[in-house]
Structure formats: structure tokens, C-alpha cells
C-alpha atoms as a PDB file:
ATOM      1  CA  MET A   1     246.065  31.840  38.063  1.00  0.00           C
ATOM      2  CA  ALA A   2     245.564  32.205  34.369  1.00  0.00           C
ATOM      3  CA  GLU A   3     244.046  29.140  32.658  1.00  0.00           C
ATOM      4  CA  LYS A   4     247.171  27.523  30.403  1.00  0.00           C
ATOM      5  CA  ARG A   5     244.727  25.255  28.204  1.00  0.00           C
ATOM      6  CA  LYS A   6     243.444  26.771  25.220  1.00  0.00           C
ATOM      7  CA  PRO A   7     239.800  26.235  23.450  1.00  0.00           C
ATOM      8  CA  VAL A   8     239.780  24.306  20.691  1.00  0.00           C
ATOM      9  CA  LEU A   9     236.390  26.341  19.790  1.00  0.00           C
ATOM     10  CA  THR A  10     234.708  29.554  21.153  1.00  0.00           C
ATOM     11  CA  VAL A  11     231.327  30.463  20.860  1.00  0.00           C
ATOM     12  CA  LEU A  12     229.624  33.997  21.148  1.00  0.00           C
ATOM     13  CA  LEU A  13     225.938  34.072  21.376  1.00  0.00           C
ATOM     14  CA  ARG A  14     223.984  36.997  21.642  1.00  0.00           C
ATOM     15  CA  TYR A  15     220.337  37.705  21.393  1.00  0.00           C
ATOM     16  CA  GLN A  16     219.129  40.701  19.515  1.00  0.00           C
ATOM     17  CA  GLY A  17     218.854  43.695  21.733  1.00  0.00           C
ATOM     18  CA  LYS A  18     220.951  42.277  24.687  1.00  0.00           C
ATOM     19  CA  VAL A  19     224.025  43.987  25.257  1.00  0.00           C
ATOM     20  CA  LYS A  20     225.465  40.816  26.917  1.00  0.00           C
ATOM     21  CA  SER A  21     226.612  37.922  25.020  1.00  0.00           C
ATOM     22  CA  ASN A  22     227.274  34.388  26.220  1.00  0.00           C
ATOM     23  CA  LYS A  23     230.906  32.879  25.777  1.00  0.00           C
ATOM     24  CA  ILE A  24     230.908  29.259  25.195  1.00  0.00           C
ATOM     25  CA  GLU A  25     234.594  27.449  25.326  1.00  0.00           C
ATOM     26  CA  LEU A  26     235.304  23.972  24.132  1.00  0.00           C
ATOM     27  CA  PHE A  27     238.381  22.044  25.806  1.00  0.00           C
ATOM     28  CA  ARG A  28     239.453  18.819  24.487  1.00  0.00           C
ATOM     29  CA  ALA A  29     239.383  16.199  27.391  1.00  0.00           C
ATOM     30  CA  SER A  30     242.771  15.092  26.917  1.00  0.00           C
ATOM     31  CA  ASP A  31     243.821  18.414  28.553  1.00  0.00           C
ATOM     32  CA  PHE A  32     242.274  17.170  32.117  1.00  0.00           C
ATOM     33  CA  ASP A  33     242.729  14.130  33.699  1.00  0.00           C
ATOM     34  CA  SER A  34     239.847  12.382  31.448  1.00  0.00           C
ATOM     35  CA  PRO A  35     239.190   8.904  31.582  1.00  0.00           C
ATOM     36  CA  SER A  36     241.757   7.020  29.704  1.00  0.00           C
ATOM     37  CA  GLY A  37     240.369   5.083  26.347  1.00  0.00           C
ATOM     38  CA  LYS A  38     240.170   5.444  22.838  1.00  0.00           C
ATOM     39  CA  ASN A  39     237.386   7.378  22.733  1.00  0.00           C
ATOM     40  CA  SER A  40     238.832  10.547  25.339  1.00  0.00           C
ATOM     41  CA  ASP A  41     240.277  12.106  22.077  1.00  0.00           C
ATOM     42  CA  ARG A  42     236.515  12.671  20.791  1.00  0.00           C
ATOM     43  CA  LEU A  43     235.701  14.047  24.165  1.00  0.00           C
ATOM     44  CA  PHE A  44     235.291  17.706  24.984  1.00  0.00           C
ATOM     45  CA  ARG A  45     234.921  20.183  27.945  1.00  0.00           C
ATOM     46  CA  LEU A  46     232.686  22.973  28.028  1.00  0.00           C
ATOM     47  CA  ARG A  47     233.027  26.205  29.832  1.00  0.00           C
ATOM     48  CA  VAL A  48     229.824  28.743  29.964  1.00  0.00           C
ATOM     49  CA  ASN A  49     230.619  32.292  31.048  1.00  0.00           C
ATOM     50  CA  GLY A  50     234.304  31.235  32.573  1.00  0.00           C
ATOM     51  CA  LYS A  51     232.629  28.781  34.478  1.00  0.00           C
ATOM     52  CA  TRP A  52     233.093  24.671  34.213  1.00  0.00           C
ATOM     53  CA  TRP A  53     229.475  23.335  32.779  1.00  0.00           C
ATOM     54  CA  PRO A  54     228.133  21.490  34.841  1.00  0.00           C
ATOM     55  CA  SER A  55     228.883  22.710  37.951  1.00  0.00           C
ATOM     56  CA  ASN A  56     228.334  19.167  39.338  1.00  0.00           C
ATOM     57  CA  GLU A  57     230.932  16.168  38.672  1.00  0.00           C
ATOM     58  CA  LYS A  58     228.280  13.600  37.388  1.00  0.00           C
ATOM     59  CA  GLN A  59     229.371  14.061  33.767  1.00  0.00           C
ATOM     60  CA  LYS A  60     231.997  16.186  32.855  1.00  0.00           C
ATOM     61  CA  PHE A  61     232.957  15.252  29.410  1.00  0.00           C
ATOM     62  CA  PHE A  62     230.709  15.260  26.309  1.00  0.00           C
ATOM     63  CA  TYR A  63     231.054  14.461  22.517  1.00  0.00           C
ATOM     64  CA  LYS A  64     230.616  16.883  20.012  1.00  0.00           C
ATOM     65  CA  SER A  65     227.240  15.902  18.697  1.00  0.00           C
ATOM     66  CA  THR A  66     226.072  16.195  22.318  1.00  0.00           C
ATOM     67  CA  VAL A  67     227.708  19.611  22.539  1.00  0.00           C
ATOM     68  CA  MET A  68     225.906  20.540  19.344  1.00  0.00           C
ATOM     69  CA  HIS A  69     222.457  19.421  21.020  1.00  0.00           C
ATOM     70  CA  ILE A  70     223.099  21.284  24.559  1.00  0.00           C
ATOM     71  CA  ILE A  71     223.489  24.317  22.356  1.00  0.00           C
ATOM     72  CA  ASN A  72     220.634  24.329  20.072  1.00  0.00           C
ATOM     73  CA  LYS A  73     218.422  23.565  22.947  1.00  0.00           C
ATOM     74  CA  SER A  74     220.055  26.475  24.845  1.00  0.00           C
ATOM     75  CA  VAL A  75     219.327  28.782  21.712  1.00  0.00           C
ATOM     76  CA  LYS A  76     215.500  30.113  22.401  1.00  0.00           C
ATOM     77  CA  ILE A  77     213.862  31.743  19.087  1.00  0.00           C
END
């Protein structure tokens, strides 16, 4: 079944010389059964290479600043 939600942002990361790129998609938490509250419109959920990240259920939704920190930490230059 195809995903009906549309990502807010899609980022493709590719290291020099690598053929395969990594795809990171951001979805608004309001598109899911997110925790209700005034901050739910500022939360996002991540999908990396077609799989929801993180795979555990402890924390599914992140603020934009946390998402940028995760992306910065994942890039190894």
C-alpha cells in the first residue's frame, strides 16, 4: 500500500564516489497520531531510505533543530 502522506522536505545525501544516495524525508507530526498539544505542529517524523526512523517506539517525533542536529552528526567528512 502506498504512502498517502506527503513529505515536507526530502534530502538526498551522497558521499563522493558512492553510487547509492541516502534519502531522508520529513513528515509533519500532525499527519500521524501525534501527541496532542500546541507543539504538535512544530514536530516532525523521519523516514530514512524508506523506513521509519528510529525503529524503536521511544521517540518518534522531533523538533526541527533536533532533526538538523541528527543530519549534521550523520555526515562524516
